[in-house]
């Protein structure tokens, strides 16, 4: 059992200078997250426990409703995104990299292409449908906003 006396928890009295959104201020001040770099945050123990509890509530409700959970990697191949023209649409804002064999990859901001490819590859008849699947991914935000934001988001 975790005791408050041993919990890694340091609250802040004042709002962080870089925080402009109320949720950001509260998460940092309450000791849920800490800034690593611009737009990059680490979950502290209390925040991560809360995150996991919320995730489990969502997972239980989705499972109860008959949905099936899948999980896709964050690093994705170029081909599905090129087929939907999103490789070009995202432009230079998309985090891209190449492996040793010069294959292109990206950090997937969304997984619609991967869902589509999975269903296309696994099912061959309309009789297999309807299908209810979901994913709770790590959120990679690519917002064209100058105001720094921090939110806890679970994409379904």
C-alpha atoms as a PDB file:
ATOM      1  CA  UNK A   1       0.000   0.000   0.000  1.00  0.00           C
ATOM      2  CA  UNK A   2       1.256   3.424  -0.949  1.00  0.00           C
ATOM      3  CA  UNK A   3       1.625   5.968   1.841  1.00  0.00           C
ATOM      4  CA  UNK A   4       1.426   9.708   1.310  1.00  0.00           C
ATOM      5  CA  UNK A   5       4.703  10.082   3.202  1.00  0.00           C
ATOM      6  CA  UNK A   6       6.533   8.069   0.523  1.00  0.00           C
ATOM      7  CA  UNK A   7       4.673   9.370  -2.559  1.00  0.00           C
ATOM      8  CA  UNK A   8       6.728  11.329  -5.075  1.00  0.00           C
ATOM      9  CA  UNK A   9       4.489  14.389  -4.959  1.00  0.00           C
ATOM     10  CA  UNK A  10       5.587  17.981  -5.099  1.00  0.00           C
ATOM     11  CA  UNK A  11       2.888  20.560  -5.578  1.00  0.00           C
ATOM     12  CA  UNK A  12       3.567  24.094  -6.749  1.00  0.00           C
ATOM     13  CA  UNK A  13       2.258  27.209  -5.103  1.00  0.00           C
ATOM     14  CA  UNK A  14       2.310  29.367  -8.249  1.00  0.00           C
ATOM     15  CA  UNK A  15       1.220  28.764 -11.816  1.00  0.00           C
ATOM     16  CA  UNK A  16       4.049  27.744 -14.153  1.00  0.00           C
ATOM     17  CA  UNK A  17       5.178  30.641 -16.340  1.00  0.00           C
ATOM     18  CA  UNK A  18       4.631  28.744 -19.615  1.00  0.00           C
ATOM     19  CA  UNK A  19       1.096  27.607 -18.705  1.00  0.00           C
ATOM     20  CA  UNK A  20      -1.738  29.528 -20.326  1.00  0.00           C
ATOM     21  CA  UNK A  21      -4.574  26.978 -20.203  1.00  0.00           C
ATOM     22  CA  UNK A  22      -6.344  26.275 -16.900  1.00  0.00           C
ATOM     23  CA  UNK A  23      -6.045  22.473 -17.205  1.00  0.00           C
ATOM     24  CA  UNK A  24      -2.304  22.813 -17.832  1.00  0.00           C
ATOM     25  CA  UNK A  25      -1.837  24.992 -14.756  1.00  0.00           C
ATOM     26  CA  UNK A  26      -3.807  22.598 -12.566  1.00  0.00           C
ATOM     27  CA  UNK A  27      -2.044  19.441 -13.764  1.00  0.00           C
ATOM     28  CA  UNK A  28       1.394  20.955 -13.177  1.00  0.00           C
ATOM     29  CA  UNK A  29       0.558  22.625  -9.861  1.00  0.00           C
ATOM     30  CA  UNK A  30      -1.104  19.485  -8.475  1.00  0.00           C
ATOM     31  CA  UNK A  31       1.981  17.401  -9.222  1.00  0.00           C
ATOM     32  CA  UNK A  32       0.411  15.224 -11.940  1.00  0.00           C
ATOM     33  CA  UNK A  33       2.869  16.135 -14.720  1.00  0.00           C
ATOM     34  CA  UNK A  34       6.157  17.939 -15.242  1.00  0.00           C
ATOM     35  CA  UNK A  35       7.470  19.635 -18.358  1.00  0.00           C
ATOM     36  CA  UNK A  36      10.405  17.945 -20.091  1.00  0.00           C
ATOM     37  CA  UNK A  37      10.527  20.237 -23.147  1.00  0.00           C
ATOM     38  CA  UNK A  38       8.085  22.439 -25.058  1.00  0.00           C
ATOM     39  CA  UNK A  39       4.936  20.336 -25.456  1.00  0.00           C
ATOM     40  CA  UNK A  40       6.499  17.245 -23.861  1.00  0.00           C
ATOM     41  CA  UNK A  41       5.477  16.166 -20.362  1.00  0.00           C
ATOM     42  CA  UNK A  42       6.288  13.310 -18.017  1.00  0.00           C
ATOM     43  CA  UNK A  43       3.592  11.726 -15.907  1.00  0.00           C
ATOM     44  CA  UNK A  44       4.399  11.774 -12.197  1.00  0.00           C
ATOM     45  CA  UNK A  45       3.131   8.892 -10.012  1.00  0.00           C
ATOM     46  CA  UNK A  46      -0.147  10.490  -8.910  1.00  0.00           C
ATOM     47  CA  UNK A  47      -0.958  11.690 -12.413  1.00  0.00           C
ATOM     48  CA  UNK A  48      -0.091   8.357 -13.987  1.00  0.00           C
ATOM     49  CA  UNK A  49      -2.225   6.454 -11.468  1.00  0.00           C
ATOM     50  CA  UNK A  50      -5.135   8.769 -12.289  1.00  0.00           C
ATOM     51  CA  UNK A  51      -4.526   8.373 -16.027  1.00  0.00           C
ATOM     52  CA  UNK A  52      -4.547   4.557 -15.726  1.00  0.00           C
ATOM     53  CA  UNK A  53      -7.742   4.584 -13.643  1.00  0.00           C
ATOM     54  CA  UNK A  54      -9.547   6.723 -16.221  1.00  0.00           C
ATOM     55  CA  UNK A  55      -8.211   4.484 -18.989  1.00  0.00           C
ATOM     56  CA  UNK A  56      -9.471   1.373 -17.170  1.00  0.00           C
ATOM     57  CA  UNK A  57     -12.940   2.873 -16.672  1.00  0.00           C
ATOM     58  CA  UNK A  58     -13.150   3.618 -20.390  1.00  0.00           C
ATOM     59  CA  UNK A  59     -11.813   0.147 -21.240  1.00  0.00           C
ATOM     60  CA  UNK A  60     -14.381  -1.560 -18.972  1.00  0.00           C
ATOM     61  CA  UNK A  61     -17.262   0.394 -20.482  1.00  0.00           C
ATOM     62  CA  UNK A  62     -16.109  -0.258 -24.045  1.00  0.00           C
ATOM     63  CA  UNK A  63     -15.668  -3.975 -23.325  1.00  0.00           C
ATOM     64  CA  UNK A  64     -19.092  -4.087 -21.639  1.00  0.00           C
ATOM     65  CA  UNK A  65     -20.611  -2.517 -24.761  1.00  0.00           C
ATOM     66  CA  UNK A  66     -19.117  -5.332 -26.859  1.00  0.00           C
ATOM     67  CA  UNK A  67     -16.183  -3.507 -28.398  1.00  0.00           C
ATOM     68  CA  UNK A  68     -12.818  -5.223 -28.858  1.00  0.00           C
ATOM     69  CA  UNK A  69      -9.564  -3.450 -28.082  1.00  0.00           C
ATOM     70  CA  UNK A  70      -6.704  -3.331 -30.561  1.00  0.00           C
ATOM     71  CA  UNK A  71      -3.387  -1.538 -30.339  1.00  0.00           C
ATOM     72  CA  UNK A  72      -1.279  -0.071 -33.109  1.00  0.00           C
ATOM     73  CA  UNK A  73       2.333   1.068 -32.819  1.00  0.00           C
ATOM     74  CA  UNK A  74       3.214   4.746 -32.679  1.00  0.00           C
ATOM     75  CA  UNK A  75       5.819   4.361 -35.449  1.00  0.00           C
ATOM     76  CA  UNK A  76       4.037   3.639 -38.729  1.00  0.00           C
ATOM     77  CA  UNK A  77       5.083   3.007 -42.348  1.00  0.00           C
ATOM     78  CA  UNK A  78       4.712   5.687 -44.996  1.00  0.00           C
ATOM     79  CA  UNK A  79       2.627   3.680 -47.510  1.00  0.00           C
ATOM     80  CA  UNK A  80      -0.837   3.846 -45.856  1.00  0.00           C
ATOM     81  CA  UNK A  81      -0.495   7.601 -45.321  1.00  0.00           C
ATOM     82  CA  UNK A  82       0.751   8.146 -48.848  1.00  0.00           C
ATOM     83  CA  UNK A  83      -2.247   6.210 -50.234  1.00  0.00           C
ATOM     84  CA  UNK A  84      -4.637   8.627 -48.486  1.00  0.00           C
ATOM     85  CA  UNK A  85      -2.479  11.663 -49.432  1.00  0.00           C
ATOM     86  CA  UNK A  86      -2.023  12.534 -45.771  1.00  0.00           C
ATOM     87  CA  UNK A  87       1.752  12.088 -46.051  1.00  0.00           C
ATOM     88  CA  UNK A  88       1.782  15.189 -48.272  1.00  0.00           C
ATOM     89  CA  UNK A  89      -1.082  16.998 -46.468  1.00  0.00           C
ATOM     90  CA  UNK A  90       0.723  16.996 -43.124  1.00  0.00           C
ATOM     91  CA  UNK A  91       3.779  18.487 -44.791  1.00  0.00           C
ATOM     92  CA  UNK A  92       6.797  19.371 -42.658  1.00  0.00           C
ATOM     93  CA  UNK A  93       4.764  19.232 -39.415  1.00  0.00           C
ATOM     94  CA  UNK A  94       4.789  15.438 -39.539  1.00  0.00           C
ATOM     95  CA  UNK A  95       7.596  13.716 -37.606  1.00  0.00           C
ATOM     96  CA  UNK A  96       9.298  11.494 -40.180  1.00  0.00           C
ATOM     97  CA  UNK A  97      12.335   9.262 -40.135  1.00  0.00           C
ATOM     98  CA  UNK A  98      14.107   6.615 -42.194  1.00  0.00           C
ATOM     99  CA  UNK A  99      15.560   3.306 -41.092  1.00  0.00           C
ATOM    100  CA  UNK A 100      18.914   1.870 -42.215  1.00  0.00           C
ATOM    101  CA  UNK A 101      17.317   0.529 -45.395  1.00  0.00           C
ATOM    102  CA  UNK A 102      15.919   3.992 -46.281  1.00  0.00           C
ATOM    103  CA  UNK A 103      12.297   2.980 -45.542  1.00  0.00           C
ATOM    104  CA  UNK A 104      10.159   5.974 -44.522  1.00  0.00           C
ATOM    105  CA  UNK A 105       8.202   6.029 -41.257  1.00  0.00           C
ATOM    106  CA  UNK A 106       6.198   8.548 -39.270  1.00  0.00           C
ATOM    107  CA  UNK A 107       4.950   9.027 -35.743  1.00  0.00           C
ATOM    108  CA  UNK A 108       1.266   8.379 -36.320  1.00  0.00           C
ATOM    109  CA  UNK A 109      -0.882  11.321 -35.227  1.00  0.00           C
ATOM    110  CA  UNK A 110      -3.962   9.189 -35.966  1.00  0.00           C
ATOM    111  CA  UNK A 111      -4.559   5.553 -36.823  1.00  0.00           C
ATOM    112  CA  UNK A 112      -7.498   5.640 -39.241  1.00  0.00           C
ATOM    113  CA  UNK A 113      -5.362   4.174 -42.011  1.00  0.00           C
ATOM    114  CA  UNK A 114      -4.198   1.355 -39.760  1.00  0.00           C
ATOM    115  CA  UNK A 115      -7.761   0.512 -38.660  1.00  0.00           C
ATOM    116  CA  UNK A 116      -8.840   0.403 -42.305  1.00  0.00           C
ATOM    117  CA  UNK A 117      -5.937  -1.811 -43.358  1.00  0.00           C
ATOM    118  CA  UNK A 118      -6.500  -4.179 -40.444  1.00  0.00           C
ATOM    119  CA  UNK A 119     -10.194  -4.641 -41.215  1.00  0.00           C
ATOM    120  CA  UNK A 120      -9.475  -4.947 -44.948  1.00  0.00           C
ATOM    121  CA  UNK A 121      -6.855  -7.622 -44.285  1.00  0.00           C
ATOM    122  CA  UNK A 122      -8.839  -9.623 -41.742  1.00  0.00           C
ATOM    123  CA  UNK A 123     -12.322  -9.617 -43.265  1.00  0.00           C
ATOM    124  CA  UNK A 124     -13.430 -10.532 -46.755  1.00  0.00           C
ATOM    125  CA  UNK A 125     -17.227 -10.502 -46.514  1.00  0.00           C
ATOM    126  CA  UNK A 126     -19.910  -8.107 -45.376  1.00  0.00           C
ATOM    127  CA  UNK A 127     -21.230 -11.029 -43.330  1.00  0.00           C
ATOM    128  CA  UNK A 128     -18.329 -10.480 -40.924  1.00  0.00           C
ATOM    129  CA  UNK A 129     -19.681  -7.026 -40.124  1.00  0.00           C
ATOM    130  CA  UNK A 130     -20.580  -5.097 -38.018  1.00  0.00           C
ATOM    131  CA  UNK A 131     -17.339  -4.951 -36.121  1.00  0.00           C
ATOM    132  CA  UNK A 132     -16.786  -2.775 -33.054  1.00  0.00           C
ATOM    133  CA  UNK A 133     -13.151  -2.078 -32.244  1.00  0.00           C
ATOM    134  CA  UNK A 134     -11.342   0.658 -30.360  1.00  0.00           C
ATOM    135  CA  UNK A 135      -7.887   1.780 -29.341  1.00  0.00           C
ATOM    136  CA  UNK A 136      -6.631   3.833 -26.415  1.00  0.00           C
ATOM    137  CA  UNK A 137      -3.399   5.226 -27.883  1.00  0.00           C
ATOM    138  CA  UNK A 138      -0.721   7.522 -26.602  1.00  0.00           C
ATOM    139  CA  UNK A 139      -1.843  10.873 -27.953  1.00  0.00           C
ATOM    140  CA  UNK A 140       0.577  12.595 -30.317  1.00  0.00           C
ATOM    141  CA  UNK A 141      -0.752  16.104 -30.799  1.00  0.00           C
ATOM    142  CA  UNK A 142       0.123  18.096 -33.890  1.00  0.00           C
ATOM    143  CA  UNK A 143      -1.783  21.297 -33.444  1.00  0.00           C
ATOM    144  CA  UNK A 144      -1.188  24.408 -35.467  1.00  0.00           C
ATOM    145  CA  UNK A 145      -1.594  26.630 -32.442  1.00  0.00           C
ATOM    146  CA  UNK A 146       0.922  28.955 -30.896  1.00  0.00           C
ATOM    147  CA  UNK A 147      -0.605  28.696 -27.419  1.00  0.00           C
ATOM    148  CA  UNK A 148       0.925  25.795 -25.457  1.00  0.00           C
ATOM    149  CA  UNK A 149      -1.746  23.330 -24.419  1.00  0.00           C
ATOM    150  CA  UNK A 150      -1.807  20.319 -22.174  1.00  0.00           C
ATOM    151  CA  UNK A 151      -4.773  18.022 -21.963  1.00  0.00           C
ATOM    152  CA  UNK A 152      -5.429  14.475 -20.987  1.00  0.00           C
ATOM    153  CA  UNK A 153      -6.991  12.920 -24.061  1.00  0.00           C
ATOM    154  CA  UNK A 154      -8.097   9.394 -24.791  1.00  0.00           C
ATOM    155  CA  UNK A 155      -8.867   8.905 -28.474  1.00  0.00           C
ATOM    156  CA  UNK A 156     -11.509   6.332 -29.297  1.00  0.00           C
END
